[in-house]
């Protein structure tokens, strides 16, 4: 899935699946690095999405004169 097509909710869902497989030790040692790298990318994506959303909300509120 391309990053541009990924939604925040899809990223969180994938992170939950990765975490669950790690907790249940369903990940082979060979896949561990790949999963950790994917999780890191997903976390970065989610943080950026949240930061952008926060800035958008602040801009909307300040335009409205409520801030």
N, C-alpha and C. Protein backbone atom coordinates (compact mmCIF):
# COMPACT_ATOMS: atom_id res chain seq x y z
N UNK A 1 0.84 -1.19 0.00
CA UNK A 1 0.00 0.00 0.00
C UNK A 1 0.88 1.24 0.00
N UNK A 2 0.60 2.16 -0.89
CA UNK A 2 1.38 3.38 -0.98
C UNK A 2 1.06 4.30 0.19
N UNK A 3 2.05 5.06 0.60
CA UNK A 3 1.88 5.96 1.73
C UNK A 3 0.77 6.98 1.48
N UNK A 4 0.64 7.47 0.23
CA UNK A 4 -0.36 8.47 -0.09
C UNK A 4 -1.78 7.90 0.07
N UNK A 5 -1.94 6.60 -0.14
CA UNK A 5 -3.24 5.97 -0.06
C UNK A 5 -3.58 5.53 1.36
N UNK A 6 -2.62 5.53 2.22
CA UNK A 6 -2.79 5.04 3.58
C UNK A 6 -3.53 6.05 4.44
N UNK A 7 -4.52 5.57 5.17
CA UNK A 7 -5.20 6.46 6.13
C UNK A 7 -4.61 6.22 7.51
N UNK A 8 -4.89 7.16 8.39
CA UNK A 8 -4.43 7.05 9.78
C UNK A 8 -4.99 5.76 10.39
N UNK A 9 -6.26 5.51 10.15
CA UNK A 9 -6.91 4.34 10.73
C UNK A 9 -6.29 3.04 10.22
N UNK A 10 -5.95 3.00 8.94
CA UNK A 10 -5.30 1.81 8.39
C UNK A 10 -3.91 1.61 8.99
N UNK A 11 -3.19 2.70 9.19
CA UNK A 11 -1.86 2.61 9.79
C UNK A 11 -1.95 2.08 11.21
N UNK A 12 -2.91 2.59 11.98
CA UNK A 12 -3.10 2.12 13.36
C UNK A 12 -3.47 0.64 13.37
N UNK A 13 -4.36 0.26 12.48
CA UNK A 13 -4.77 -1.15 12.41
C UNK A 13 -3.57 -2.06 12.10
N UNK A 14 -2.73 -1.64 11.17
CA UNK A 14 -1.55 -2.44 10.83
C UNK A 14 -0.58 -2.50 12.00
N UNK A 15 -0.39 -1.37 12.69
CA UNK A 15 0.47 -1.36 13.88
C UNK A 15 -0.05 -2.32 14.94
N UNK A 16 -1.37 -2.34 15.13
CA UNK A 16 -1.96 -3.26 16.11
C UNK A 16 -1.71 -4.72 15.72
N UNK A 17 -1.79 -5.02 14.42
CA UNK A 17 -1.54 -6.39 13.97
C UNK A 17 -0.08 -6.78 14.19
N UNK A 18 0.82 -5.85 13.90
CA UNK A 18 2.24 -6.12 14.12
C UNK A 18 2.51 -6.34 15.60
N UNK A 19 1.97 -5.47 16.44
CA UNK A 19 2.17 -5.59 17.89
C UNK A 19 1.60 -6.91 18.40
N UNK A 20 0.43 -7.27 17.92
CA UNK A 20 -0.21 -8.52 18.36
C UNK A 20 0.64 -9.73 17.97
N UNK A 21 1.14 -9.73 16.75
CA UNK A 21 1.96 -10.87 16.32
C UNK A 21 3.25 -10.94 17.12
N UNK A 22 3.81 -9.79 17.48
CA UNK A 22 5.03 -9.79 18.30
C UNK A 22 4.73 -10.28 19.71
N UNK A 23 3.60 -9.81 20.28
CA UNK A 23 3.23 -10.23 21.63
C UNK A 23 2.96 -11.74 21.71
N UNK A 24 2.35 -12.26 20.65
CA UNK A 24 2.01 -13.69 20.63
C UNK A 24 3.14 -14.53 20.06
N UNK A 25 4.25 -13.89 19.79
CA UNK A 25 5.44 -14.54 19.23
C UNK A 25 5.11 -15.33 17.97
N UNK A 26 4.27 -14.69 17.11
CA UNK A 26 3.89 -15.32 15.85
C UNK A 26 4.78 -14.84 14.70
N UNK A 27 5.78 -14.07 15.01
CA UNK A 27 6.68 -13.54 13.99
C UNK A 27 7.99 -14.32 14.03
N UNK A 28 8.40 -14.80 12.87
CA UNK A 28 9.68 -15.50 12.81
C UNK A 28 10.80 -14.49 13.02
N UNK A 29 11.92 -14.99 13.39
CA UNK A 29 13.08 -14.13 13.60
C UNK A 29 13.44 -13.38 12.32
N UNK A 30 13.28 -14.06 11.20
CA UNK A 30 13.59 -13.44 9.91
C UNK A 30 12.66 -12.27 9.59
N UNK A 31 11.41 -12.37 10.01
CA UNK A 31 10.44 -11.31 9.74
C UNK A 31 10.47 -10.19 10.78
N UNK A 32 11.12 -10.43 11.88
CA UNK A 32 11.15 -9.46 12.97
C UNK A 32 11.67 -8.10 12.52
N UNK A 33 12.79 -8.07 11.84
CA UNK A 33 13.39 -6.81 11.39
C UNK A 33 12.46 -6.09 10.43
N UNK A 34 11.89 -6.83 9.47
CA UNK A 34 10.97 -6.22 8.52
C UNK A 34 9.76 -5.61 9.22
N UNK A 35 9.21 -6.33 10.19
CA UNK A 35 8.06 -5.82 10.93
C UNK A 35 8.41 -4.58 11.74
N UNK A 36 9.59 -4.60 12.34
CA UNK A 36 10.00 -3.43 13.13
C UNK A 36 10.23 -2.22 12.23
N UNK A 37 10.81 -2.45 11.05
CA UNK A 37 11.01 -1.34 10.11
C UNK A 37 9.67 -0.79 9.63
N UNK A 38 8.74 -1.67 9.33
CA UNK A 38 7.41 -1.23 8.90
C UNK A 38 6.71 -0.46 10.02
N UNK A 39 6.82 -0.97 11.24
CA UNK A 39 6.19 -0.31 12.38
C UNK A 39 6.77 1.09 12.58
N UNK A 40 8.08 1.23 12.41
CA UNK A 40 8.71 2.54 12.55
C UNK A 40 8.17 3.52 11.51
N UNK A 41 8.03 3.07 10.27
CA UNK A 41 7.48 3.92 9.20
C UNK A 41 6.03 4.31 9.50
N UNK A 42 5.26 3.34 9.99
CA UNK A 42 3.87 3.61 10.31
C UNK A 42 3.75 4.60 11.47
N UNK A 43 4.60 4.45 12.47
CA UNK A 43 4.59 5.39 13.59
C UNK A 43 4.93 6.81 13.14
N UNK A 44 5.91 6.92 12.28
CA UNK A 44 6.28 8.23 11.74
C UNK A 44 5.12 8.83 10.96
N UNK A 45 4.48 8.02 10.13
CA UNK A 45 3.32 8.47 9.37
C UNK A 45 2.22 8.98 10.31
N UNK A 46 1.92 8.20 11.35
CA UNK A 46 0.85 8.58 12.29
C UNK A 46 1.20 9.87 13.03
N UNK A 47 2.43 10.01 13.48
CA UNK A 47 2.85 11.22 14.17
C UNK A 47 2.72 12.44 13.27
N UNK A 48 3.14 12.30 12.01
CA UNK A 48 3.04 13.41 11.06
C UNK A 48 1.59 13.77 10.79
N UNK A 49 0.74 12.76 10.65
CA UNK A 49 -0.68 12.97 10.40
C UNK A 49 -1.33 13.69 11.59
N UNK A 50 -1.01 13.27 12.79
CA UNK A 50 -1.56 13.92 13.99
C UNK A 50 -1.08 15.37 14.11
N UNK A 51 0.20 15.59 13.84
CA UNK A 51 0.76 16.95 13.91
C UNK A 51 0.08 17.86 12.89
N UNK A 52 -0.11 17.36 11.66
CA UNK A 52 -0.76 18.16 10.62
C UNK A 52 -2.21 18.46 11.01
N UNK A 53 -2.89 17.47 11.53
CA UNK A 53 -4.28 17.66 11.95
C UNK A 53 -4.37 18.68 13.06
N UNK A 54 -3.46 18.61 14.02
CA UNK A 54 -3.44 19.58 15.11
C UNK A 54 -3.21 20.99 14.58
N UNK A 55 -2.29 21.14 13.64
CA UNK A 55 -2.03 22.46 13.06
C UNK A 55 -3.24 22.96 12.28
N UNK A 56 -3.90 22.07 11.55
CA UNK A 56 -5.10 22.45 10.80
C UNK A 56 -6.20 22.93 11.74
N UNK A 57 -6.39 22.22 12.84
CA UNK A 57 -7.41 22.61 13.82
C UNK A 57 -7.07 23.97 14.43
N UNK A 58 -5.82 24.16 14.79
CA UNK A 58 -5.40 25.44 15.35
C UNK A 58 -5.61 26.57 14.36
N UNK A 59 -5.31 26.33 13.07
CA UNK A 59 -5.52 27.35 12.04
C UNK A 59 -7.00 27.66 11.88
N UNK A 60 -7.84 26.64 11.89
CA UNK A 60 -9.27 26.87 11.77
C UNK A 60 -9.80 27.67 12.95
N UNK A 61 -9.37 27.31 14.14
CA UNK A 61 -9.83 28.01 15.33
C UNK A 61 -9.34 29.46 15.35
N UNK A 62 -8.11 29.67 14.92
CA UNK A 62 -7.58 31.03 14.94
C UNK A 62 -8.24 31.88 13.86
N UNK A 63 -8.61 31.30 12.73
CA UNK A 63 -9.33 32.02 11.69
C UNK A 63 -10.72 32.42 12.16
N UNK A 64 -11.28 31.59 12.98
CA UNK A 64 -12.63 31.81 13.49
C UNK A 64 -12.62 32.86 14.61
N UNK A 65 -11.45 33.20 15.10
CA UNK A 65 -11.32 34.18 16.16
C UNK A 65 -11.55 33.62 17.55
N UNK A 66 -11.59 32.30 17.67
CA UNK A 66 -11.81 31.69 18.98
C UNK A 66 -10.51 31.43 19.72
N UNK A 67 -9.39 31.74 19.08
CA UNK A 67 -8.11 31.55 19.75
C UNK A 67 -7.37 32.83 19.87
